[in-house]
PDB file of N, CA and C in Angstrom:
ATOM      1  N   MET A   1     103.738   6.800 134.611  1.00  0.00           N
ATOM      2  CA  MET A   1     103.286   7.251 133.237  1.00  0.00           C
ATOM      3  C   MET A   1     103.969   6.651 132.107  1.00  0.00           C
ATOM      4  N   GLU A   2     105.135   6.211 132.212  1.00  0.00           N
ATOM      5  CA  GLU A   2     105.831   5.463 131.201  1.00  0.00           C
ATOM      6  C   GLU A   2     105.282   4.232 130.692  1.00  0.00           C
ATOM      7  N   ASP A   3     104.497   3.629 131.668  1.00  0.00           N
ATOM      8  CA  ASP A   3     103.810   2.299 131.240  1.00  0.00           C
ATOM      9  C   ASP A   3     102.784   2.726 130.288  1.00  0.00           C
ATOM     10  N   HIS A   4     101.976   3.791 130.439  1.00  0.00           N
ATOM     11  CA  HIS A   4     100.889   4.168 129.595  1.00  0.00           C
ATOM     12  C   HIS A   4     101.469   4.519 128.135  1.00  0.00           C
ATOM     13  N   LYS A   5     102.627   5.166 128.172  1.00  0.00           N
ATOM     14  CA  LYS A   5     103.324   5.518 126.798  1.00  0.00           C
ATOM     15  C   LYS A   5     103.614   4.343 126.066  1.00  0.00           C
ATOM     16  N   LYS A   6     104.189   3.349 126.803  1.00  0.00           N
ATOM     17  CA  LYS A   6     104.523   1.997 126.094  1.00  0.00           C
ATOM     18  C   LYS A   6     103.293   1.311 125.558  1.00  0.00           C
ATOM     19  N   THR A   7     102.256   1.336 126.370  1.00  0.00           N
ATOM     20  CA  THR A   7     101.005   0.728 126.072  1.00  0.00           C
ATOM     21  C   THR A   7     100.441   1.439 124.712  1.00  0.00           C
ATOM     22  N   TYR A   8     100.408   2.721 124.782  1.00  0.00           N
ATOM     23  CA  TYR A   8      99.936   3.427 123.558  1.00  0.00           C
ATOM     24  C   TYR A   8     100.745   3.123 122.303  1.00  0.00           C
ATOM     25  N   PHE A   9     102.112   3.220 122.574  1.00  0.00           N
ATOM     26  CA  PHE A   9     102.941   2.936 121.431  1.00  0.00           C
ATOM     27  C   PHE A   9     102.793   1.472 120.838  1.00  0.00           C
ATOM     28  N   TRP A  10     102.754   0.466 121.600  1.00  0.00           N
ATOM     29  CA  TRP A  10     102.499  -0.787 121.081  1.00  0.00           C
ATOM     30  C   TRP A  10     101.148  -0.936 120.574  1.00  0.00           C
ATOM     31  N   ASN A  11     100.216  -0.401 121.023  1.00  0.00           N
ATOM     32  CA  ASN A  11      98.945  -0.446 120.428  1.00  0.00           C
ATOM     33  C   ASN A  11      98.898   0.149 119.118  1.00  0.00           C
ATOM     34  N   ALA A  12      99.468   1.329 118.962  1.00  0.00           N
ATOM     35  CA  ALA A  12      99.550   1.974 117.704  1.00  0.00           C
ATOM     36  C   ALA A  12     100.254   1.115 116.722  1.00  0.00           C
ATOM     37  N   VAL A  13     101.292   0.446 117.094  1.00  0.00           N
ATOM     38  CA  VAL A  13     102.161  -0.408 116.227  1.00  0.00           C
ATOM     39  C   VAL A  13     101.253  -1.512 115.594  1.00  0.00           C
ATOM     40  N   TRP A  14     100.613  -2.228 116.704  1.00  0.00           N
ATOM     41  CA  TRP A  14      99.584  -3.250 116.241  1.00  0.00           C
ATOM     42  C   TRP A  14      98.621  -2.908 115.225  1.00  0.00           C
ATOM     43  N   LEU A  15      97.952  -1.645 115.595  1.00  0.00           N
ATOM     44  CA  LEU A  15      96.956  -1.170 114.761  1.00  0.00           C
ATOM     45  C   LEU A  15      97.522  -0.895 113.424  1.00  0.00           C
ATOM     46  N   ALA A  16      98.735  -0.421 113.224  1.00  0.00           N
ATOM     47  CA  ALA A  16      99.366  -0.160 111.841  1.00  0.00           C
ATOM     48  C   ALA A  16      99.600  -1.582 111.216  1.00  0.00           C
ATOM     49  N   ILE A  17     100.022  -2.452 111.913  1.00  0.00           N
ATOM     50  CA  ILE A  17     100.438  -3.730 111.384  1.00  0.00           C
ATOM     51  C   ILE A  17      99.163  -4.521 110.798  1.00  0.00           C
ATOM     52  N   LEU A  18      98.102  -4.365 111.597  1.00  0.00           N
ATOM     53  CA  LEU A  18      96.823  -4.859 111.179  1.00  0.00           C
ATOM     54  C   LEU A  18      96.237  -4.142 109.785  1.00  0.00           C
ATOM     55  N   THR A  19      96.409  -2.849 109.795  1.00  0.00           N
ATOM     56  CA  THR A  19      95.964  -2.038 108.753  1.00  0.00           C
ATOM     57  C   THR A  19      96.777  -2.551 107.464  1.00  0.00           C
ATOM     58  N   VAL A  20      98.062  -2.650 107.592  1.00  0.00           N
ATOM     59  CA  VAL A  20      98.873  -3.065 106.415  1.00  0.00           C
ATOM     60  C   VAL A  20      98.378  -4.510 105.914  1.00  0.00           C
ATOM     61  N   ILE A  21      98.041  -5.417 106.888  1.00  0.00           N
ATOM     62  CA  ILE A  21      97.637  -6.692 106.419  1.00  0.00           C
ATOM     63  C   ILE A  21      96.205  -6.565 105.748  1.00  0.00           C
ATOM     64  N   GLU A  22      95.391  -5.622 106.292  1.00  0.00           N
ATOM     65  CA  GLU A  22      94.090  -5.422 105.615  1.00  0.00           C
ATOM     66  C   GLU A  22      94.352  -5.002 104.123  1.00  0.00           C
ATOM     67  N   VAL A  23      95.255  -3.952 103.997  1.00  0.00           N
ATOM     68  CA  VAL A  23      95.528  -3.432 102.682  1.00  0.00           C
ATOM     69  C   VAL A  23      95.877  -4.627 101.626  1.00  0.00           C
ATOM     70  N   PHE A  24      96.839  -5.392 102.187  1.00  0.00           N
ATOM     71  CA  PHE A  24      97.451  -6.374 101.264  1.00  0.00           C
ATOM     72  C   PHE A  24      96.691  -7.629 101.199  1.00  0.00           C
ATOM     73  N   ALA A  25      95.445  -7.749 101.975  1.00  0.00           N
ATOM     74  CA  ALA A  25      94.746  -8.848 101.918  1.00  0.00           C
ATOM     75  C   ALA A  25      93.926  -8.848 100.682  1.00  0.00           C
ATOM     76  N   ILE A  26      93.625  -7.731 100.103  1.00  0.00           N
ATOM     77  CA  ILE A  26      92.933  -7.583  98.838  1.00  0.00           C
ATOM     78  C   ILE A  26      93.604  -8.405  97.687  1.00  0.00           C
ATOM     79  N   ASP A  27      94.891  -8.186  97.628  1.00  0.00           N
ATOM     80  CA  ASP A  27      95.670  -8.825  96.663  1.00  0.00           C
ATOM     81  C   ASP A  27      96.214 -10.014  96.872  1.00  0.00           C
ATOM     82  N   MET A  28      95.796 -10.766  97.965  1.00  0.00           N
ATOM     83  CA  MET A  28      96.285 -12.166  98.360  1.00  0.00           C
ATOM     84  C   MET A  28      95.663 -13.210  97.409  1.00  0.00           C
ATOM     85  N   GLY A  29      94.640 -12.964  96.743  1.00  0.00           N
ATOM     86  CA  GLY A  29      93.925 -13.993  95.953  1.00  0.00           C
ATOM     87  C   GLY A  29      93.053 -14.860  96.815  1.00  0.00           C
ATOM     88  N   LEU A  30      92.541 -14.482  97.840  1.00  0.00           N
ATOM     89  CA  LEU A  30      91.848 -15.352  98.640  1.00  0.00           C
ATOM     90  C   LEU A  30      90.503 -15.296  97.956  1.00  0.00           C
ATOM     91  N   PRO A  31      89.689 -16.431  98.137  1.00  0.00           N
ATOM     92  CA  PRO A  31      88.277 -16.462  97.801  1.00  0.00           C
ATOM     93  C   PRO A  31      87.541 -15.407  98.651  1.00  0.00           C
ATOM     94  N   ARG A  32      86.407 -15.014  98.100  1.00  0.00           N
ATOM     95  CA  ARG A  32      85.656 -13.995  98.654  1.00  0.00           C
ATOM     96  C   ARG A  32      85.245 -14.281 100.054  1.00  0.00           C
ATOM     97  N   THR A  33      84.787 -15.457 100.403  1.00  0.00           N
ATOM     98  CA  THR A  33      84.395 -15.716 101.710  1.00  0.00           C
ATOM     99  C   THR A  33      85.599 -15.794 102.727  1.00  0.00           C
ATOM    100  N   GLY A  34      86.684 -16.232 102.201  1.00  0.00           N
ATOM    101  CA  GLY A  34      87.932 -16.194 103.050  1.00  0.00           C
ATOM    102  C   GLY A  34      88.391 -14.721 103.380  1.00  0.00           C
ATOM    103  N   LEU A  35      88.216 -13.886 102.364  1.00  0.00           N
ATOM    104  CA  LEU A  35      88.647 -12.460 102.467  1.00  0.00           C
ATOM    105  C   LEU A  35      87.708 -11.716 103.464  1.00  0.00           C
ATOM    106  N   ILE A  36      86.340 -12.039 103.319  1.00  0.00           N
ATOM    107  CA  ILE A  36      85.389 -11.509 104.300  1.00  0.00           C
ATOM    108  C   ILE A  36      85.761 -11.927 105.767  1.00  0.00           C
ATOM    109  N   VAL A  37      85.998 -13.197 105.983  1.00  0.00           N
ATOM    110  CA  VAL A  37      86.287 -13.763 107.288  1.00  0.00           C
ATOM    111  C   VAL A  37      87.637 -13.061 107.873  1.00  0.00           C
ATOM    112  N   LEU A  38      88.661 -12.903 106.977  1.00  0.00           N
ATOM    113  CA  LEU A  38      89.884 -12.367 107.425  1.00  0.00           C
ATOM    114  C   LEU A  38      89.725 -10.944 107.772  1.00  0.00           C
ATOM    115  N   LEU A  39      89.047 -10.081 106.893  1.00  0.00           N
ATOM    116  CA  LEU A  39      88.784  -8.787 107.134  1.00  0.00           C
ATOM    117  C   LEU A  39      87.854  -8.492 108.393  1.00  0.00           C
ATOM    118  N   LEU A  40      86.931  -9.234 108.616  1.00  0.00           N
ATOM    119  CA  LEU A  40      86.032  -9.071 109.799  1.00  0.00           C
ATOM    120  C   LEU A  40      86.788  -9.448 111.042  1.00  0.00           C
ATOM    121  N   SER A  41      87.648 -10.409 111.060  1.00  0.00           N
ATOM    122  CA  SER A  41      88.478 -10.918 112.215  1.00  0.00           C
ATOM    123  C   SER A  41      89.386  -9.810 112.517  1.00  0.00           C
ATOM    124  N   ILE A  42      90.086  -9.108 111.434  1.00  0.00           N
ATOM    125  CA  ILE A  42      91.037  -8.145 111.761  1.00  0.00           C
ATOM    126  C   ILE A  42      90.240  -6.874 112.394  1.00  0.00           C
ATOM    127  N   THR A  43      89.069  -6.500 111.694  1.00  0.00           N
ATOM    128  CA  THR A  43      88.286  -5.486 112.310  1.00  0.00           C
ATOM    129  C   THR A  43      87.872  -5.648 113.735  1.00  0.00           C
ATOM    130  N   VAL A  44      87.454  -6.816 114.031  1.00  0.00           N
ATOM    131  CA  VAL A  44      87.071  -7.050 115.531  1.00  0.00           C
ATOM    132  C   VAL A  44      88.333  -6.874 116.404  1.00  0.00           C
ATOM    133  N   THR A  45      89.476  -7.480 115.935  1.00  0.00           N
ATOM    134  CA  THR A  45      90.630  -7.323 116.708  1.00  0.00           C
ATOM    135  C   THR A  45      90.962  -5.845 116.980  1.00  0.00           C
ATOM    136  N   LYS A  46      90.968  -5.025 115.921  1.00  0.00           N
ATOM    137  CA  LYS A  46      91.278  -3.653 116.024  1.00  0.00           C
ATOM    138  C   LYS A  46      90.311  -2.868 116.984  1.00  0.00           C
ATOM    139  N   ILE A  47      89.004  -3.269 116.900  1.00  0.00           N
ATOM    140  CA  ILE A  47      87.899  -2.694 117.761  1.00  0.00           C
ATOM    141  C   ILE A  47      88.355  -3.003 119.262  1.00  0.00           C
ATOM    142  N   LEU A  48      88.675  -4.332 119.535  1.00  0.00           N
ATOM    143  CA  LEU A  48      89.132  -4.626 120.848  1.00  0.00           C
ATOM    144  C   LEU A  48      90.317  -3.943 121.256  1.00  0.00           C
ATOM    145  N   LEU A  49      91.218  -3.707 120.522  1.00  0.00           N
ATOM    146  CA  LEU A  49      92.444  -3.053 120.823  1.00  0.00           C
ATOM    147  C   LEU A  49      92.208  -1.599 121.191  1.00  0.00           C
ATOM    148  N   VAL A  50      91.265  -0.873 120.372  1.00  0.00           N
ATOM    149  CA  VAL A  50      91.001   0.367 120.666  1.00  0.00           C
ATOM    150  C   VAL A  50      90.144   0.496 121.966  1.00  0.00           C
ATOM    151  N   ALA A  51      89.265  -0.338 122.175  1.00  0.00           N
ATOM    152  CA  ALA A  51      88.401  -0.309 123.343  1.00  0.00           C
ATOM    153  C   ALA A  51      89.203  -0.606 124.566  1.00  0.00           C
ATOM    154  N   MET A  52      90.093  -1.581 124.545  1.00  0.00           N
ATOM    155  CA  MET A  52      90.843  -1.895 125.765  1.00  0.00           C
ATOM    156  C   MET A  52      91.885  -0.724 126.156  1.00  0.00           C
ATOM    157  N   VAL A  53      92.451  -0.206 125.264  1.00  0.00           N
ATOM    158  CA  VAL A  53      93.476   0.871 125.517  1.00  0.00           C
ATOM    159  C   VAL A  53      92.899   2.221 125.469  1.00  0.00           C
ATOM    160  N   TYR A  54      92.381   2.715 124.461  1.00  0.00           N
ATOM    161  CA  TYR A  54      92.057   4.075 124.392  1.00  0.00           C
ATOM    162  C   TYR A  54      90.722   4.483 125.262  1.00  0.00           C
ATOM    163  N   MET A  55      89.894   3.521 125.551  1.00  0.00           N
ATOM    164  CA  MET A  55      88.745   3.659 126.317  1.00  0.00           C
ATOM    165  C   MET A  55      88.997   3.084 127.680  1.00  0.00           C
ATOM    166  N   HIS A  56      90.226   2.771 127.937  1.00  0.00           N
ATOM    167  CA  HIS A  56      90.635   2.323 129.368  1.00  0.00           C
ATOM    168  C   HIS A  56      89.828   1.138 129.940  1.00  0.00           C
ATOM    169  N   SER A  57      89.365   0.324 129.039  1.00  0.00           N
ATOM    170  CA  SER A  57      88.703  -0.941 129.458  1.00  0.00           C
ATOM    171  C   SER A  57      89.604  -1.909 130.031  1.00  0.00           C
ATOM    172  N   PHE A  58      90.956  -1.865 129.598  1.00  0.00           N
ATOM    173  CA  PHE A  58      91.901  -2.713 130.137  1.00  0.00           C
ATOM    174  C   PHE A  58      92.519  -2.428 131.400  1.00  0.00           C
ATOM    175  N   ILE A  59      92.533  -1.198 131.739  1.00  0.00           N
ATOM    176  CA  ILE A  59      93.347  -0.734 132.914  1.00  0.00           C
ATOM    177  C   ILE A  59      92.517  -0.130 134.006  1.00  0.00           C
ATOM    178  N   SER A  60      91.168   0.163 133.720  1.00  0.00           N
ATOM    179  CA  SER A  60      90.404   0.883 134.734  1.00  0.00           C
ATOM    180  C   SER A  60      89.604  -0.247 135.574  1.00  0.00           C
ATOM    181  N   VAL A  61      89.203   0.266 136.796  1.00  0.00           N
ATOM    182  CA  VAL A  61      88.451  -0.570 137.643  1.00  0.00           C
ATOM    183  C   VAL A  61      87.003  -0.445 137.428  1.00  0.00           C
ATOM    184  N   GLN A  62      86.258  -1.467 137.712  1.00  0.00           N
ATOM    185  CA  GLN A  62      84.849  -1.362 137.456  1.00  0.00           C
ATOM    186  C   GLN A  62      84.103  -0.277 138.280  1.00  0.00           C
ATOM    187  N   LEU A  63      83.263   0.379 137.734  1.00  0.00           N
ATOM    188  CA  LEU A  63      82.686   1.553 138.509  1.00  0.00           C
ATOM    189  C   LEU A  63      81.516   1.082 139.438  1.00  0.00           C
ATOM    190  N   THR A  64      80.908   0.111 139.187  1.00  0.00           N
ATOM    191  CA  THR A  64      79.730  -0.547 140.008  1.00  0.00           C
ATOM    192  C   THR A  64      80.212  -1.424 140.971  1.00  0.00           C
TER     193      THR A  64
END
């Protein structure tokens, strides 16, 4: 069970780091297109992290 706690902890850390990057990305002075690409990339990364860990896509066996 300790492995799951570590996985949840590090996932939460990465989600927090990515959120901080999103917040500060607004003030980085990037062009609009670059900002959109950056924010969409971070969003997709966060979606994958949540799907892999909290929806057990990363550690569960295939059902079919």
